[in-house]
Structures are given as structure tokens and as C-alpha cells.
Amino acid sequence: MTPRDLTFVLGGARSGKSVHAEQLASDSALPVSYIATARVADDAEFSARIAHHRARRPAHWRLVEAGVDLAGAVTQSDAPGHCLLVDCLTLWLANLLCPAEGEALPLARYHAQVAALEAALTGARGKVIVVSNEIGLGVVPLGAATRLYVDELGRLNQRIAALSTTATMMVAGLPLALKTTGRA
């Protein structure tokens, strides 16, 4: 069995996490599939953010737009000798808990999606790089929906960090090694 190669990169907004993850993917010298989790933007500012990410990525990278079935996108794109870059868990979670269509998934279905993602990452045969925001460093949010989101992202980040073989926290464009054991 091939040992898991899962790198987890997290940090705050504009911390350099996506750029760092993209550099790791480029440095792997493997074919790359970029799994995007952002839904189509319906405002100019977010559209510009998406365009900025697209312009920065090499044109030969394969783009997979995951939607809420991130586990399916990982499983379908995974292959030995291939690199998957998932950017990012933060937007994927927002799509699950705050969908554009209205009602959020019932928590049981949400937890099933998270378990499916965890299984897909555990079974991955190629190199996988996962990006997420660390948003739990501030005060406890006032609203119940925001608290749920912050709590669930914190739990999700802990689960992915536990699976990872390498974890890096980005601060001001600088990578801080959190986990370098090489083993999950």
C-alpha cells in the first residue's frame, strides 16, 4: 500500500495559503488537478477573486469545480503519480451550511459529506494538498449561524490535520510548520 501524502495548508485571509499550496503543487513536478470549491460568483468583487486565482494557476493544470460533492471530486480525480490541490475547505463548508439555493443541509447529511471527504482523502493514491482558513483565532461570534460555521470549520480543520502527513500555517506569507512527521 502506498503511504498517504496529504499536505494541509491553512491560514487567515490573504495569508499566502493558496500561493504556497500552488507552489507545492508545482514543485511536485506531477500532473495537477485543481479542485475549486467556490460557487459561481454573483458579485463583482468575488468574481475578481476567482479571476485572480485562475490567472495565477498554470494553464495546463486541470480544473475540477467540485460543488458540494467534494469527496466525489477527490475520488474521481485521484490517481497515483498525480497531485490534487483542493482550494478550499472554507468555501466548501459555506456551500454546505449556507447554500445559495436556501436551506442548509440537515446536520446529519452535512456530517455524512464530511465523513465521505475524510474517506476519500484517506484512500487517495496520489499527492493531495488541501487549503483551508483558520478563522477560530478571534472572539466567539455573536450570531448562532456564524458560531455554527466557525465551530464546524474548526472541527473539519482538526479532522483534516489529523489525517495529514504535513501541516503548515501561513502567516504574513510565511509558512510555519505545524506537522512534519511524514506520517498521518
C-alpha atoms as a PDB file:
ATOM      1  CA  MET A   1       0.000   0.000   0.000  1.00  0.00           C
ATOM      2  CA  THR A   2       1.227   3.483  -0.854  1.00  0.00           C
ATOM      3  CA  PRO A   3       1.597   5.717   2.200  1.00  0.00           C
ATOM      4  CA  ARG A   4      -0.714   8.717   2.261  1.00  0.00           C
ATOM      5  CA  ASP A   5       0.761  12.016   1.038  1.00  0.00           C
ATOM      6  CA  LEU A   6      -1.611  14.676   2.374  1.00  0.00           C
ATOM      7  CA  THR A   7      -0.468  18.240   2.950  1.00  0.00           C
ATOM      8  CA  PHE A   8      -2.753  20.617   4.832  1.00  0.00           C
ATOM      9  CA  VAL A   9      -2.191  24.362   4.393  1.00  0.00           C
ATOM     10  CA  LEU A  10      -4.194  26.778   6.491  1.00  0.00           C
ATOM     11  CA  GLY A  11      -4.109  30.417   7.457  1.00  0.00           C
ATOM     12  CA  GLY A  12      -6.129  33.593   7.565  1.00  0.00           C
ATOM     13  CA  ALA A  13      -7.446  35.658   4.684  1.00  0.00           C
ATOM     14  CA  ARG A  14      -4.611  36.854   2.438  1.00  0.00           C
ATOM     15  CA  SER A  15      -2.059  34.911   4.472  1.00  0.00           C
ATOM     16  CA  GLY A  16      -0.498  33.365   1.359  1.00  0.00           C
ATOM     17  CA  LYS A  17      -2.007  29.909   1.811  1.00  0.00           C
ATOM     18  CA  SER A  18      -3.217  29.443  -1.775  1.00  0.00           C
ATOM     19  CA  VAL A  19       0.029  30.729  -3.288  1.00  0.00           C
ATOM     20  CA  HIS A  20       2.007  28.396  -1.002  1.00  0.00           C
ATOM     21  CA  ALA A  21      -0.197  25.426  -1.896  1.00  0.00           C
ATOM     22  CA  GLU A  22       0.116  26.216  -5.611  1.00  0.00           C
ATOM     23  CA  GLN A  23       3.906  26.350  -5.262  1.00  0.00           C
ATOM     24  CA  LEU A  24       3.892  22.963  -3.501  1.00  0.00           C
ATOM     25  CA  ALA A  25       1.821  21.528  -6.338  1.00  0.00           C
ATOM     26  CA  SER A  26       4.193  22.998  -8.962  1.00  0.00           C
ATOM     27  CA  ASP A  27       7.221  21.748  -7.053  1.00  0.00           C
ATOM     28  CA  SER A  28       5.804  18.207  -7.058  1.00  0.00           C
ATOM     29  CA  ALA A  29       6.504  18.009 -10.832  1.00  0.00           C
ATOM     30  CA  LEU A  30       3.345  15.871 -11.097  1.00  0.00           C
ATOM     31  CA  PRO A  31       0.298  16.494 -13.266  1.00  0.00           C
ATOM     32  CA  VAL A  32      -2.025  18.712 -11.187  1.00  0.00           C
ATOM     33  CA  SER A  33      -5.791  18.803 -10.856  1.00  0.00           C
ATOM     34  CA  TYR A  34      -7.015  21.944  -9.121  1.00  0.00           C
ATOM     35  CA  ILE A  35     -10.272  21.231  -7.306  1.00  0.00           C
ATOM     36  CA  ALA A  36     -12.087  24.528  -6.836  1.00  0.00           C
ATOM     37  CA  THR A  37     -14.860  24.755  -4.247  1.00  0.00           C
ATOM     38  CA  ALA A  38     -16.090  28.304  -4.846  1.00  0.00           C
ATOM     39  CA  ARG A  39     -19.504  28.537  -6.422  1.00  0.00           C
ATOM     40  CA  VAL A  40     -20.018  30.875  -9.349  1.00  0.00           C
ATOM     41  CA  ALA A  41     -19.762  34.407  -8.058  1.00  0.00           C
ATOM     42  CA  ASP A  42     -22.771  36.683  -8.267  1.00  0.00           C
ATOM     43  CA  ASP A  43     -20.877  39.824  -7.289  1.00  0.00           C
ATOM     44  CA  ALA A  44     -18.024  41.692  -8.949  1.00  0.00           C
ATOM     45  CA  GLU A  45     -15.599  41.538  -6.027  1.00  0.00           C
ATOM     46  CA  PHE A  46     -15.799  37.757  -5.623  1.00  0.00           C
ATOM     47  CA  SER A  47     -15.650  37.296  -9.406  1.00  0.00           C
ATOM     48  CA  ALA A  48     -12.398  39.277  -9.347  1.00  0.00           C
ATOM     49  CA  ARG A  49     -11.017  36.988  -6.613  1.00  0.00           C
ATOM     50  CA  ILE A  50     -11.826  33.915  -8.695  1.00  0.00           C
ATOM     51  CA  ALA A  51     -10.260  35.515 -11.791  1.00  0.00           C
ATOM     52  CA  HIS A  52      -7.109  36.298  -9.788  1.00  0.00           C
ATOM     53  CA  HIS A  53      -6.798  32.641  -8.726  1.00  0.00           C
ATOM     54  CA  ARG A  54      -7.370  31.447 -12.313  1.00  0.00           C
ATOM     55  CA  ALA A  55      -4.776  33.826 -13.756  1.00  0.00           C
ATOM     56  CA  ARG A  56      -2.154  32.693 -11.253  1.00  0.00           C
ATOM     57  CA  ARG A  57      -2.547  28.968 -11.989  1.00  0.00           C
ATOM     58  CA  PRO A  58      -0.626  27.303 -14.823  1.00  0.00           C
ATOM     59  CA  ALA A  59      -2.861  26.838 -17.882  1.00  0.00           C
ATOM     60  CA  HIS A  60      -2.004  23.138 -18.157  1.00  0.00           C
ATOM     61  CA  TRP A  61      -3.487  22.303 -14.732  1.00  0.00           C
ATOM     62  CA  ARG A  62      -6.800  20.520 -14.955  1.00  0.00           C
ATOM     63  CA  LEU A  63      -9.676  22.391 -13.287  1.00  0.00           C
ATOM     64  CA  VAL A  64     -12.400  20.493 -11.422  1.00  0.00           C
ATOM     65  CA  GLU A  65     -15.280  22.507  -9.979  1.00  0.00           C
ATOM     66  CA  ALA A  66     -16.406  20.404  -7.041  1.00  0.00           C
ATOM     67  CA  GLY A  67     -19.692  21.790  -5.798  1.00  0.00           C
ATOM     68  CA  VAL A  68     -20.854  20.130  -2.584  1.00  0.00           C
ATOM     69  CA  ASP A  69     -19.646  16.639  -3.588  1.00  0.00           C
ATOM     70  CA  LEU A  70     -16.020  17.304  -2.767  1.00  0.00           C
ATOM     71  CA  ALA A  71     -15.428  13.656  -1.844  1.00  0.00           C
ATOM     72  CA  GLY A  72     -16.622  12.609  -5.302  1.00  0.00           C
ATOM     73  CA  ALA A  73     -14.357  15.170  -6.987  1.00  0.00           C
ATOM     74  CA  VAL A  74     -11.350  13.929  -4.994  1.00  0.00           C
ATOM     75  CA  THR A  75     -12.114  10.276  -5.731  1.00  0.00           C
ATOM     76  CA  GLN A  76     -12.697  10.863  -9.450  1.00  0.00           C
ATOM     77  CA  SER A  77      -9.566  12.995  -9.881  1.00  0.00           C
ATOM     78  CA  ASP A  78      -7.183  10.937  -7.742  1.00  0.00           C
ATOM     79  CA  ALA A  79      -4.523   8.785  -9.394  1.00  0.00           C
ATOM     80  CA  PRO A  80      -1.060   7.525  -8.490  1.00  0.00           C
ATOM     81  CA  GLY A  81       1.608   9.927  -9.705  1.00  0.00           C
ATOM     82  CA  HIS A  82      -0.864  12.809  -9.730  1.00  0.00           C
ATOM     83  CA  CYS A  83      -1.312  15.859  -7.487  1.00  0.00           C
ATOM     84  CA  LEU A  84      -4.682  17.181  -6.323  1.00  0.00           C
ATOM     85  CA  LEU A  85      -4.950  20.707  -4.950  1.00  0.00           C
ATOM     86  CA  VAL A  86      -8.218  21.365  -3.090  1.00  0.00           C
ATOM     87  CA  ASP A  87      -8.830  25.092  -2.603  1.00  0.00           C
ATOM     88  CA  CYS A  88     -10.565  25.464  -0.202  1.00  0.00           C
ATOM     89  CA  LEU A  89     -12.464  23.761   2.621  1.00  0.00           C
ATOM     90  CA  THR A  90     -13.722  27.125   3.871  1.00  0.00           C
ATOM     91  CA  LEU A  91     -15.824  27.783   0.771  1.00  0.00           C
ATOM     92  CA  TRP A  92     -16.927  24.156   0.553  1.00  0.00           C
ATOM     93  CA  LEU A  93     -18.255  24.338   4.109  1.00  0.00           C
ATOM     94  CA  ALA A  94     -20.036  27.609   3.309  1.00  0.00           C
ATOM     95  CA  ASN A  95     -21.696  25.897   0.329  1.00  0.00           C
ATOM     96  CA  LEU A  96     -22.924  23.115   2.620  1.00  0.00           C
ATOM     97  CA  LEU A  97     -24.074  25.224   5.558  1.00  0.00           C
ATOM     98  CA  CYS A  98     -25.193  28.347   3.632  1.00  0.00           C
ATOM     99  CA  PRO A  99     -26.188  27.236   0.119  1.00  0.00           C
ATOM    100  CA  ALA A 100     -27.221  29.818  -2.467  1.00  0.00           C
ATOM    101  CA  GLU A 101     -30.472  27.912  -3.014  1.00  0.00           C
ATOM    102  CA  GLY A 102     -31.647  28.489   0.543  1.00  0.00           C
ATOM    103  CA  GLU A 103     -31.865  25.730   3.123  1.00  0.00           C
ATOM    104  CA  ALA A 104     -28.669  24.257   4.511  1.00  0.00           C
ATOM    105  CA  LEU A 105     -28.156  20.525   4.569  1.00  0.00           C
ATOM    106  CA  PRO A 106     -29.523  18.875   7.675  1.00  0.00           C
ATOM    107  CA  LEU A 107     -26.585  18.332  10.033  1.00  0.00           C
ATOM    108  CA  ALA A 108     -26.728  14.547   9.561  1.00  0.00           C
ATOM    109  CA  ARG A 109     -26.263  14.953   5.783  1.00  0.00           C
ATOM    110  CA  TYR A 110     -23.539  17.533   6.366  1.00  0.00           C
ATOM    111  CA  HIS A 111     -21.693  15.121   8.682  1.00  0.00           C
ATOM    112  CA  ALA A 112     -22.059  12.398   6.032  1.00  0.00           C
ATOM    113  CA  GLN A 113     -20.406  14.734   3.469  1.00  0.00           C
ATOM    114  CA  VAL A 114     -17.523  15.376   5.870  1.00  0.00           C
ATOM    115  CA  ALA A 115     -17.107  11.639   6.556  1.00  0.00           C
ATOM    116  CA  ALA A 116     -17.114  10.950   2.805  1.00  0.00           C
ATOM    117  CA  LEU A 117     -14.412  13.576   2.279  1.00  0.00           C
ATOM    118  CA  GLU A 118     -12.351  12.105   5.089  1.00  0.00           C
ATOM    119  CA  ALA A 119     -12.658   8.641   3.492  1.00  0.00           C
ATOM    120  CA  ALA A 120     -11.707   9.996   0.058  1.00  0.00           C
ATOM    121  CA  LEU A 121      -8.613  11.706   1.456  1.00  0.00           C
ATOM    122  CA  THR A 122      -7.656   8.618   3.470  1.00  0.00           C
ATOM    123  CA  GLY A 123      -7.882   6.444   0.371  1.00  0.00           C
ATOM    124  CA  ALA A 124      -6.148   8.847  -2.012  1.00  0.00           C
ATOM    125  CA  ARG A 125      -3.325   7.273  -4.005  1.00  0.00           C
ATOM    126  CA  GLY A 126      -1.709  10.472  -5.277  1.00  0.00           C
ATOM    127  CA  LYS A 127      -0.355  13.586  -3.609  1.00  0.00           C
ATOM    128  CA  VAL A 128      -3.106  15.758  -2.111  1.00  0.00           C
ATOM    129  CA  ILE A 129      -2.830  19.354  -0.919  1.00  0.00           C
ATOM    130  CA  VAL A 130      -5.808  20.802   0.966  1.00  0.00           C
ATOM    131  CA  VAL A 131      -6.235  24.513   1.742  1.00  0.00           C
ATOM    132  CA  SER A 132      -8.437  25.957   4.487  1.00  0.00           C
ATOM    133  CA  ASN A 133      -8.858  29.120   6.511  1.00  0.00           C
ATOM    134  CA  GLU A 134      -8.110  29.295  10.209  1.00  0.00           C
ATOM    135  CA  ILE A 135     -10.904  31.521  11.474  1.00  0.00           C
ATOM    136  CA  GLY A 136     -11.070  30.462  15.109  1.00  0.00           C
ATOM    137  CA  LEU A 137      -8.425  32.817  16.457  1.00  0.00           C
ATOM    138  CA  GLY A 138     -10.784  35.673  17.301  1.00  0.00           C
ATOM    139  CA  VAL A 139     -13.650  36.214  19.682  1.00  0.00           C
ATOM    140  CA  VAL A 140     -16.689  33.929  19.766  1.00  0.00           C
ATOM    141  CA  PRO A 141     -19.133  35.254  17.131  1.00  0.00           C
ATOM    142  CA  LEU A 142     -22.440  36.709  18.299  1.00  0.00           C
ATOM    143  CA  GLY A 143     -24.835  35.010  15.870  1.00  0.00           C
ATOM    144  CA  ALA A 144     -25.816  31.340  16.122  1.00  0.00           C
ATOM    145  CA  ALA A 145     -25.286  30.683  12.395  1.00  0.00           C
ATOM    146  CA  THR A 146     -21.826  32.231  12.495  1.00  0.00           C
ATOM    147  CA  ARG A 147     -20.917  30.289  15.639  1.00  0.00           C
ATOM    148  CA  LEU A 148     -22.047  27.063  13.943  1.00  0.00           C
ATOM    149  CA  TYR A 149     -19.879  27.855  10.907  1.00  0.00           C
ATOM    150  CA  VAL A 150     -16.795  28.728  12.984  1.00  0.00           C
ATOM    151  CA  ASP A 151     -17.250  25.638  15.164  1.00  0.00           C
ATOM    152  CA  GLU A 152     -17.763  23.278  12.215  1.00  0.00           C
ATOM    153  CA  LEU A 153     -14.789  24.686  10.300  1.00  0.00           C
ATOM    154  CA  GLY A 154     -12.643  24.241  13.407  1.00  0.00           C
ATOM    155  CA  ARG A 155     -13.774  20.618  13.721  1.00  0.00           C
ATOM    156  CA  LEU A 156     -13.233  19.996   9.999  1.00  0.00           C
ATOM    157  CA  ASN A 157      -9.741  21.516  10.143  1.00  0.00           C
ATOM    158  CA  GLN A 158      -8.875  19.288  13.103  1.00  0.00           C
ATOM    159  CA  ARG A 159     -10.019  16.185  11.221  1.00  0.00           C
ATOM    160  CA  ILE A 160      -8.012  17.043   8.116  1.00  0.00           C
ATOM    161  CA  ALA A 161      -4.945  17.997  10.187  1.00  0.00           C
ATOM    162  CA  ALA A 162      -5.130  14.625  11.944  1.00  0.00           C
ATOM    163  CA  LEU A 163      -5.150  12.839   8.559  1.00  0.00           C
ATOM    164  CA  SER A 164      -2.361  14.935   7.101  1.00  0.00           C
ATOM    165  CA  THR A 165       1.254  13.946   6.826  1.00  0.00           C
ATOM    166  CA  THR A 166       2.306  17.594   6.698  1.00  0.00           C
ATOM    167  CA  ALA A 167       0.512  20.674   8.011  1.00  0.00           C
ATOM    168  CA  THR A 168       1.549  24.290   7.517  1.00  0.00           C
ATOM    169  CA  MET A 169       0.096  27.501   8.938  1.00  0.00           C
ATOM    170  CA  MET A 170       0.595  30.561   6.766  1.00  0.00           C
ATOM    171  CA  VAL A 171       1.079  33.921   8.483  1.00  0.00           C
ATOM    172  CA  ALA A 172       2.004  37.055   6.500  1.00  0.00           C
ATOM    173  CA  GLY A 173       3.189  34.908   3.600  1.00  0.00           C
ATOM    174  CA  LEU A 174       5.473  32.843   5.819  1.00  0.00           C
ATOM    175  CA  PRO A 175       4.988  29.091   6.255  1.00  0.00           C
ATOM    176  CA  LEU A 176       5.045  27.837   9.822  1.00  0.00           C
ATOM    177  CA  ALA A 177       5.441  24.061  10.097  1.00  0.00           C
ATOM    178  CA  LEU A 178       2.793  22.512  12.343  1.00  0.00           C
ATOM    179  CA  LYS A 179       3.297  18.880  11.449  1.00  0.00           C
ATOM    180  CA  THR A 180       6.252  17.387   9.628  1.00  0.00           C
ATOM    181  CA  THR A 181       6.212  13.781  10.751  1.00  0.00           C
ATOM    182  CA  GLY A 182       5.626  12.416   7.274  1.00  0.00           C
ATOM    183  CA  ARG A 183       3.058  10.085   8.836  1.00  0.00           C
ATOM    184  CA  ALA A 184      -0.634  10.569   9.458  1.00  0.00           C
END
